[in-house]
Protein backbone atom coordinates (compact mmCIF):
# COMPACT_ATOMS: atom_id res chain seq x y z
CA MET A 1 -8.24 -1.64 2.20
CA SER A 2 -7.96 1.68 0.43
CA TYR A 3 -4.95 3.98 1.13
CA ALA A 4 -7.36 6.78 2.27
CA SER A 5 -10.48 6.86 4.10
CA ILE A 6 -13.82 8.44 3.38
CA ALA A 7 -13.16 10.93 6.12
CA ASP A 8 -9.94 11.92 4.40
CA ALA A 9 -11.84 12.60 1.20
CA ARG A 10 -14.76 14.37 3.02
CA ALA A 11 -11.99 16.52 4.66
CA GLU A 12 -11.06 17.67 1.05
CA GLY A 13 -14.49 18.81 0.37
CA VAL A 14 -16.29 15.85 -1.12
CA THR A 15 -19.85 16.12 -0.13
CA THR A 16 -22.52 13.36 -0.13
CA ASP A 17 -24.21 15.34 -2.79
CA LEU A 18 -21.14 14.63 -5.05
CA ALA A 19 -20.66 11.10 -4.00
CA SER A 20 -22.37 8.76 -1.55
CA ASP A 21 -20.27 6.79 0.87
CA PRO A 22 -20.46 3.65 -1.13
CA ARG A 23 -19.56 5.46 -4.47
CA LEU A 24 -16.63 7.35 -2.69
CA GLN A 25 -15.25 4.10 -1.19
CA ALA A 26 -15.44 2.54 -4.64
CA ALA A 27 -13.41 5.31 -6.02
CA LEU A 28 -10.86 5.18 -3.22
CA ASP A 29 -10.49 1.46 -3.73
CA ALA A 30 -9.84 1.78 -7.52
CA ALA A 31 -7.47 4.59 -6.79
CA SER A 32 -5.55 2.45 -4.29
CA GLU A 33 -5.31 -0.36 -6.96
CA TYR A 34 -4.02 2.13 -9.58
CA VAL A 35 -1.32 3.32 -7.14
CA ASP A 36 -0.26 -0.35 -6.73
CA ALA A 37 -0.16 -0.87 -10.46
CA ILE A 38 1.92 2.25 -11.22
CA THR A 39 4.40 2.04 -8.34
CA GLY A 40 4.84 -1.81 -7.94
CA TRP A 41 4.65 -1.34 -4.13
CA TRP A 42 1.81 -1.70 -1.62
CA PHE A 43 1.33 0.85 1.21
CA GLU A 44 -0.32 -1.00 3.83
CA PRO A 45 0.47 -3.88 6.19
CA ARG A 46 -0.55 -7.18 4.70
CA VAL A 47 -0.19 -10.44 6.78
CA TYR A 48 0.89 -13.74 5.38
CA THR A 49 0.31 -16.75 7.46
CA SER A 50 1.57 -20.42 7.40
CA ASP A 51 -1.61 -21.34 5.65
CA ALA A 52 -0.99 -18.52 3.09
CA PRO A 53 2.57 -17.45 3.06
CA LEU A 54 4.33 -14.98 0.87
CA TYR A 55 5.99 -17.11 -1.79
CA LEU A 56 9.14 -15.74 -3.59
CA ASP A 57 11.54 -17.01 -6.19
CA GLY A 58 14.97 -18.19 -5.17
CA ASN A 59 17.55 -16.43 -7.35
CA GLY A 60 20.80 -18.13 -6.75
CA THR A 61 22.57 -15.33 -5.05
CA PRO A 62 22.81 -14.48 -1.25
CA HIS A 63 20.16 -11.62 -1.54
CA LEU A 64 16.53 -12.25 -1.73
CA ARG A 65 14.83 -9.05 -2.80
CA LEU A 66 11.48 -8.44 -1.20
CA PRO A 67 8.35 -6.99 -2.86
CA ALA A 68 7.62 -4.71 0.18
CA PRO A 69 9.42 -3.84 3.42
CA PRO A 70 9.01 -6.41 6.25
CA ILE A 71 7.20 -5.09 9.23
CA THR A 72 7.47 -8.51 11.19
CA LEU A 73 9.12 -11.75 9.78
CA VAL A 74 7.96 -14.67 11.77
CA SER A 75 9.46 -17.54 9.79
CA LEU A 76 11.21 -18.40 6.41
CA THR A 77 11.16 -21.84 4.75
CA VAL A 78 13.20 -22.89 1.67
CA ASP A 79 12.06 -25.72 -0.51
CA GLY A 80 9.70 -26.87 2.21
CA ASP A 81 12.60 -28.29 4.20
CA GLY A 82 11.81 -26.67 7.54
CA VAL A 83 12.08 -23.22 9.05
CA ILE A 84 15.49 -21.59 8.84
CA ASP A 85 16.99 -20.25 11.97
CA PRO A 86 16.85 -16.45 12.02
CA SER A 87 20.59 -16.35 12.86
CA GLN A 88 21.21 -17.69 9.53
CA TYR A 89 19.88 -14.65 7.52
CA ILE A 90 19.88 -10.74 7.82
CA VAL A 91 16.76 -8.79 7.28
CA GLN A 92 17.22 -5.39 5.78
CA GLY A 93 14.65 -2.67 5.08
CA ASN A 94 12.33 -3.23 8.11
CA ALA A 95 9.54 -0.82 7.88
CA ARG A 96 9.65 0.14 11.55
CA THR A 97 13.45 -0.12 12.36
CA ASP A 98 15.51 0.28 9.21
CA ARG A 99 14.23 3.23 7.49
CA ARG A 100 17.51 3.92 5.68
CA GLU A 101 17.01 0.65 3.66
CA VAL A 102 13.31 0.64 3.34
CA ARG A 103 13.25 1.23 -0.27
CA ASN A 104 15.62 -1.69 -0.79
CA PRO A 105 14.08 -4.35 1.35
CA ARG A 106 15.84 -7.66 1.18
CA ILE A 107 17.11 -10.79 3.15
CA THR A 108 20.78 -11.88 2.93
CA ARG A 109 21.60 -15.42 3.52
CA GLY A 110 24.29 -16.38 6.03
CA PRO A 111 25.27 -15.02 9.54
CA ARG A 112 26.10 -11.25 9.81
CA THR A 113 29.82 -12.10 10.33
CA ALA A 114 30.10 -14.14 7.20
CA ARG A 115 32.05 -12.79 4.21
CA TYR A 116 30.23 -12.41 1.03
CA VAL A 117 32.21 -15.20 -0.66
CA ASP A 118 31.24 -17.58 2.05
CA ARG A 119 27.58 -16.75 2.13
CA VAL A 120 24.92 -19.42 1.22
CA THR A 121 22.70 -18.66 -1.74
CA TRP A 122 19.12 -18.89 -2.11
CA PRO A 123 18.31 -21.91 -4.27
CA ARG A 124 16.99 -21.18 -7.55
CA GLY A 125 13.27 -21.97 -8.01
CA THR A 126 9.83 -20.46 -8.61
CA GLY A 127 7.83 -19.83 -5.30
CA ASN A 128 10.31 -22.05 -3.49
CA ILE A 129 10.76 -19.63 -0.57
CA ALA A 130 7.93 -19.19 1.81
CA LEU A 131 7.67 -16.15 4.27
CA VAL A 132 5.43 -15.86 7.16
CA GLY A 133 4.86 -12.24 8.56
CA THR A 134 3.63 -8.82 7.81
CA PHE A 135 4.77 -6.82 4.96
CA GLY A 136 4.14 -3.28 3.44
CA PHE A 137 5.61 0.09 2.83
CA THR A 138 4.24 1.94 5.74
CA ASN A 139 5.23 4.85 8.12
CA ALA A 140 7.55 3.84 10.98
CA ASP A 141 4.60 2.57 13.08
CA GLY A 142 4.15 -0.28 10.80
CA VAL A 143 0.46 0.57 10.22
CA THR A 144 -0.28 3.83 8.53
CA THR A 145 0.16 4.64 4.94
CA PRO A 146 2.60 7.42 3.90
CA ALA A 147 0.90 10.82 3.78
CA GLU A 148 1.82 11.40 0.25
CA ILE A 149 0.28 8.25 -0.93
CA ARG A 150 -2.84 8.84 1.02
CA ALA A 151 -3.18 12.38 -0.51
CA VAL A 152 -2.61 11.03 -4.09
CA THR A 153 -5.20 8.29 -3.30
CA VAL A 154 -7.77 11.02 -2.55
CA ARG A 155 -6.84 13.19 -5.44
CA LEU A 156 -7.21 10.11 -7.94
CA ALA A 157 -10.49 9.33 -6.30
CA LEU A 158 -11.88 12.85 -6.66
CA ARG A 159 -10.50 12.99 -10.34
CA ARG A 160 -12.57 9.72 -11.08
CA ILE A 161 -15.74 11.02 -9.45
CA ALA A 162 -15.58 14.42 -11.10
CA LEU A 163 -14.92 12.78 -14.43
CA ALA A 164 -17.57 10.18 -14.26
CA THR A 165 -20.39 12.63 -15.41
CA ASP A 166 -18.20 14.22 -18.14
CA ALA A 167 -17.69 12.19 -21.28
CA ALA A 168 -15.28 14.34 -22.90
CA ALA A 169 -13.00 14.54 -19.70
CA ALA A 170 -13.43 10.75 -19.13
CA SER A 171 -11.95 10.14 -22.72
CA ASP A 172 -9.02 12.22 -21.92
CA LEU A 173 -8.66 10.28 -18.59
CA ARG A 174 -8.32 7.08 -20.61
CA ARG A 175 -5.85 8.51 -22.91
CA GLY A 176 -3.46 9.27 -19.95
CA GLU A 177 -3.83 6.20 -17.75
CA LEU A 178 -1.90 3.07 -17.59
CA VAL A 179 -2.84 0.50 -20.27
CA GLU A 180 -0.24 -2.23 -20.02
CA GLU A 181 2.20 -3.57 -17.30
CA HIS A 182 4.76 -6.28 -17.91
CA SER A 183 4.58 -9.15 -15.51
CA ASP A 184 8.31 -8.78 -14.64
CA GLY A 185 7.16 -5.80 -12.54
CA HIS A 186 9.78 -3.53 -14.03
CA SER A 187 8.07 -1.73 -16.96
CA TYR A 188 4.94 -0.29 -17.75
CA LYS A 189 3.27 1.34 -20.66
CA LEU A 190 1.02 4.36 -20.71
CA GLN A 191 -1.55 5.13 -23.42
CA GLY A 192 -0.15 7.90 -25.72
CA ALA A 193 -1.70 11.38 -25.26
CA VAL A 194 -3.05 13.17 -28.33
CA GLY A 195 -4.22 16.63 -29.22
CA GLY A 196 -1.33 19.12 -28.75
CA VAL A 197 0.86 17.12 -26.46
CA ASN A 198 4.42 16.93 -27.42
CA PRO A 199 5.69 13.72 -29.10
CA GLY A 200 6.99 11.15 -26.39
CA ALA A 201 4.79 12.56 -23.66
CA TRP A 202 3.38 9.14 -23.11
CA ARG A 203 6.60 8.22 -21.45
CA THR A 204 5.90 10.41 -18.40
CA ARG A 205 2.16 11.14 -18.62
CA LEU A 206 -0.14 9.23 -16.27
CA THR A 207 -3.07 11.28 -15.37
CA GLY A 208 -1.69 14.70 -16.49
CA ASP A 209 -2.33 16.04 -13.07
CA PRO A 210 0.97 17.63 -11.67
CA SER A 211 -0.28 17.05 -8.22
CA ILE A 212 -0.56 13.22 -8.90
CA ASP A 213 1.99 12.18 -11.40
CA PRO A 214 5.36 13.20 -9.76
CA VAL A 215 4.50 11.30 -6.72
CA LEU A 216 3.59 8.10 -8.59
CA LEU A 217 6.67 8.50 -10.86
CA ALA A 218 9.00 8.88 -8.06
CA TRP A 219 7.83 5.62 -6.57
CA SER A 220 7.84 3.77 -9.69
CA ASP A 221 11.53 4.80 -10.17
CA VAL A 222 12.39 2.54 -7.12
CA ARG A 223 10.21 -0.25 -7.80
CA PRO A 224 10.98 -3.38 -5.61
CA HIS A 225 12.83 -6.33 -7.07
CA GLY A 226 10.80 -9.20 -5.26
CA GLY A 227 10.81 -11.52 -8.26
CA HIS A 228 7.75 -13.91 -8.69
CA VAL A 229 5.09 -13.54 -5.87
CA ALA A 230 2.81 -16.44 -5.94
């Protein structure tokens, strides 16, 4: 699912002469993937079931960082030993009810009344914690994408469509976009800009568009720390 609809793009003036519905949808999908890659978040509700749960790495501490805010958490299993009673952990950063902590979503082991030193830790492991529920950085309704992400997605799609028929501009686009992201989810590398751009500009240059880059950089500065997601 893309973060913006064809109707959103049409409302910004993208005519069918400029891009057919299939072409426009492909551009919106690619833009949404780019947003994910740069920011490290996802901005839609994604459902994980008992057959296909969200697997996370236990880290040996009482705090389990999540890769996206929980919208609903149905169950949590550790090392395949059965579902943990919800009274034995605290969910923080719920996209609907805990907006103050939504950029730092986590699950803390132990009842709310427990002292930190008395809390049980999440056992270390790779993909040893399975969560069933719905997760995503959405608005408080738990469904819709934040307006600034929707707007940036449309701008990225428009940019891709406009540059698709301009070879020189397309070359410039490739110089500014993401070319590498490390698997730890905490660093990324942007292709160096050339031709009159100050040295070191690659550190902050994404697309070179001031209506896009500040939003993406602001979100990438608060990347989630969910560890390995299987």
